Amino acid sequence: MKVKLTPEGQITIPAYIRQKLGLQGGDEILLLLEGTDLKLRIIKPKRLSEFYGTLPATVPYPGKEAIRQSVAETLAQKTQIENS
């Protein structure tokens, strides 16, 4: 497909291509220069939930409240050490 470069150095990706690739305003695109060829690669950020299960669990998940309690205890201990 042929597109025209504006005087500001911008191009427009046609709507049907944006729709097919799922591109929206604000999405990031990586420009790769290979010789005289320019390639575009879409950068889609992943949600943290997409990484669920990618690493093996070494300890069972104790739950949010247990983690909050552990963090609070650790911070309290650090505060006591610093104030001693």
C-alpha atoms as a PDB file:
ATOM      1  CA  MET A   1       0.000   0.000   0.000  1.00  0.00           C
ATOM      2  CA  LYS A   2       1.244   3.423  -0.863  1.00  0.00           C
ATOM      3  CA  VAL A   3       0.883   6.353   1.566  1.00  0.00           C
ATOM      4  CA  LYS A   4       2.134   9.921   1.349  1.00  0.00           C
ATOM      5  CA  LEU A   5       4.452  11.600   3.876  1.00  0.00           C
ATOM      6  CA  THR A   6       3.155  14.949   5.143  1.00  0.00           C
ATOM      7  CA  PRO A   7       5.441  18.004   5.347  1.00  0.00           C
ATOM      8  CA  GLU A   8       5.592  17.332   9.134  1.00  0.00           C
ATOM      9  CA  GLY A   9       6.975  13.816   8.464  1.00  0.00           C
ATOM     10  CA  GLN A  10       3.777  11.952   9.346  1.00  0.00           C
ATOM     11  CA  ILE A  11       1.894   9.163   7.590  1.00  0.00           C
ATOM     12  CA  THR A  12      -1.631   7.879   8.072  1.00  0.00           C
ATOM     13  CA  ILE A  13      -2.215   4.171   8.544  1.00  0.00           C
ATOM     14  CA  PRO A  14      -5.475   3.405   6.712  1.00  0.00           C
ATOM     15  CA  ALA A  15      -8.499   2.621   8.910  1.00  0.00           C
ATOM     16  CA  TYR A  16      -8.978  -0.952   7.679  1.00  0.00           C
ATOM     17  CA  ILE A  17      -5.349  -1.779   8.553  1.00  0.00           C
ATOM     18  CA  ARG A  18      -5.706  -0.189  12.009  1.00  0.00           C
ATOM     19  CA  GLN A  19      -8.874  -2.199  12.587  1.00  0.00           C
ATOM     20  CA  LYS A  20      -7.327  -5.463  11.401  1.00  0.00           C
ATOM     21  CA  LEU A  21      -4.294  -4.950  13.690  1.00  0.00           C
ATOM     22  CA  GLY A  22      -6.357  -3.643  16.604  1.00  0.00           C
ATOM     23  CA  LEU A  23      -4.522  -0.318  16.661  1.00  0.00           C
ATOM     24  CA  GLN A  24      -5.974   2.627  18.565  1.00  0.00           C
ATOM     25  CA  GLY A  25      -4.900   6.209  19.130  1.00  0.00           C
ATOM     26  CA  GLY A  26      -1.998   6.312  21.574  1.00  0.00           C
ATOM     27  CA  ASP A  27      -0.686   2.815  20.718  1.00  0.00           C
ATOM     28  CA  GLU A  28       3.055   2.621  20.241  1.00  0.00           C
ATOM     29  CA  ILE A  29       4.731   1.406  17.063  1.00  0.00           C
ATOM     30  CA  LEU A  30       8.407   0.517  16.765  1.00  0.00           C
ATOM     31  CA  LEU A  31      10.180   1.591  13.562  1.00  0.00           C
ATOM     32  CA  LEU A  32      12.898  -0.779  12.367  1.00  0.00           C
ATOM     33  CA  LEU A  33      15.306   0.298   9.650  1.00  0.00           C
ATOM     34  CA  GLU A  34      16.815  -2.640   7.745  1.00  0.00           C
ATOM     35  CA  GLY A  35      18.980  -1.348   4.925  1.00  0.00           C
ATOM     36  CA  THR A  36      16.629   0.857   2.937  1.00  0.00           C
ATOM     37  CA  ASP A  37      13.516  -0.948   4.192  1.00  0.00           C
ATOM     38  CA  LEU A  38      11.400   0.450   6.999  1.00  0.00           C
ATOM     39  CA  LYS A  39       9.417  -2.053   9.059  1.00  0.00           C
ATOM     40  CA  LEU A  40       6.764  -1.293  11.653  1.00  0.00           C
ATOM     41  CA  ARG A  41       6.224  -3.431  14.741  1.00  0.00           C
ATOM     42  CA  ILE A  42       3.274  -2.915  17.070  1.00  0.00           C
ATOM     43  CA  ILE A  43       4.151  -2.599  20.752  1.00  0.00           C
ATOM     44  CA  LYS A  44       1.212  -3.817  22.819  1.00  0.00           C
ATOM     45  CA  PRO A  45       1.701  -3.629  26.589  1.00  0.00           C
ATOM     46  CA  LYS A  46       0.656  -6.772  28.427  1.00  0.00           C
ATOM     47  CA  ARG A  47      -1.535  -6.846  31.491  1.00  0.00           C
ATOM     48  CA  LEU A  48      -0.044  -8.333  34.597  1.00  0.00           C
ATOM     49  CA  SER A  49      -2.782 -10.982  34.542  1.00  0.00           C
ATOM     50  CA  GLU A  50      -1.391 -12.273  31.226  1.00  0.00           C
ATOM     51  CA  PHE A  51       1.733 -13.421  33.054  1.00  0.00           C
ATOM     52  CA  TYR A  52      -0.217 -15.540  35.537  1.00  0.00           C
ATOM     53  CA  GLY A  53       1.246 -19.036  35.674  1.00  0.00           C
ATOM     54  CA  THR A  54       4.405 -18.260  33.702  1.00  0.00           C
ATOM     55  CA  LEU A  55       6.677 -18.802  36.706  1.00  0.00           C
ATOM     56  CA  PRO A  56       6.506 -21.825  38.967  1.00  0.00           C
ATOM     57  CA  ALA A  57       5.126 -21.118  42.432  1.00  0.00           C
ATOM     58  CA  THR A  58       7.656 -22.014  45.115  1.00  0.00           C
ATOM     59  CA  VAL A  59       5.358 -21.160  48.030  1.00  0.00           C
ATOM     60  CA  PRO A  60       1.558 -21.335  48.130  1.00  0.00           C
ATOM     61  CA  TYR A  61      -0.148 -17.940  47.929  1.00  0.00           C
ATOM     62  CA  PRO A  62      -1.228 -17.012  51.472  1.00  0.00           C
ATOM     63  CA  GLY A  63      -3.719 -14.322  50.431  1.00  0.00           C
ATOM     64  CA  LYS A  64      -3.664 -10.526  50.402  1.00  0.00           C
ATOM     65  CA  GLU A  65      -4.269 -10.055  54.107  1.00  0.00           C
ATOM     66  CA  ALA A  66      -1.392 -12.359  55.088  1.00  0.00           C
ATOM     67  CA  ILE A  67       0.930 -10.516  52.709  1.00  0.00           C
ATOM     68  CA  ARG A  68      -0.176  -7.121  54.063  1.00  0.00           C
ATOM     69  CA  GLN A  69       0.408  -8.333  57.624  1.00  0.00           C
ATOM     70  CA  SER A  70       3.877  -9.611  56.694  1.00  0.00           C
ATOM     71  CA  VAL A  71       4.792  -6.305  55.035  1.00  0.00           C
ATOM     72  CA  ALA A  72       3.525  -4.337  58.054  1.00  0.00           C
ATOM     73  CA  GLU A  73       5.586  -6.500  60.430  1.00  0.00           C
ATOM     74  CA  THR A  74       8.709  -6.115  58.283  1.00  0.00           C
ATOM     75  CA  LEU A  75       8.305  -2.322  58.128  1.00  0.00           C
ATOM     76  CA  ALA A  76       7.747  -2.187  61.898  1.00  0.00           C
ATOM     77  CA  GLN A  77      10.950  -4.165  62.489  1.00  0.00           C
ATOM     78  CA  LYS A  78      12.924  -1.875  60.173  1.00  0.00           C
ATOM     79  CA  THR A  79      11.540   1.181  61.947  1.00  0.00           C
ATOM     80  CA  GLN A  80      12.539  -0.238  65.354  1.00  0.00           C
ATOM     81  CA  ILE A  81      16.081  -0.973  64.128  1.00  0.00           C
ATOM     82  CA  GLU A  82      16.457   2.521  62.652  1.00  0.00           C
ATOM     83  CA  ASN A  83      15.180   4.155  65.855  1.00  0.00           C
ATOM     84  CA  SER A  84      17.487   2.115  68.113  1.00  0.00           C
END
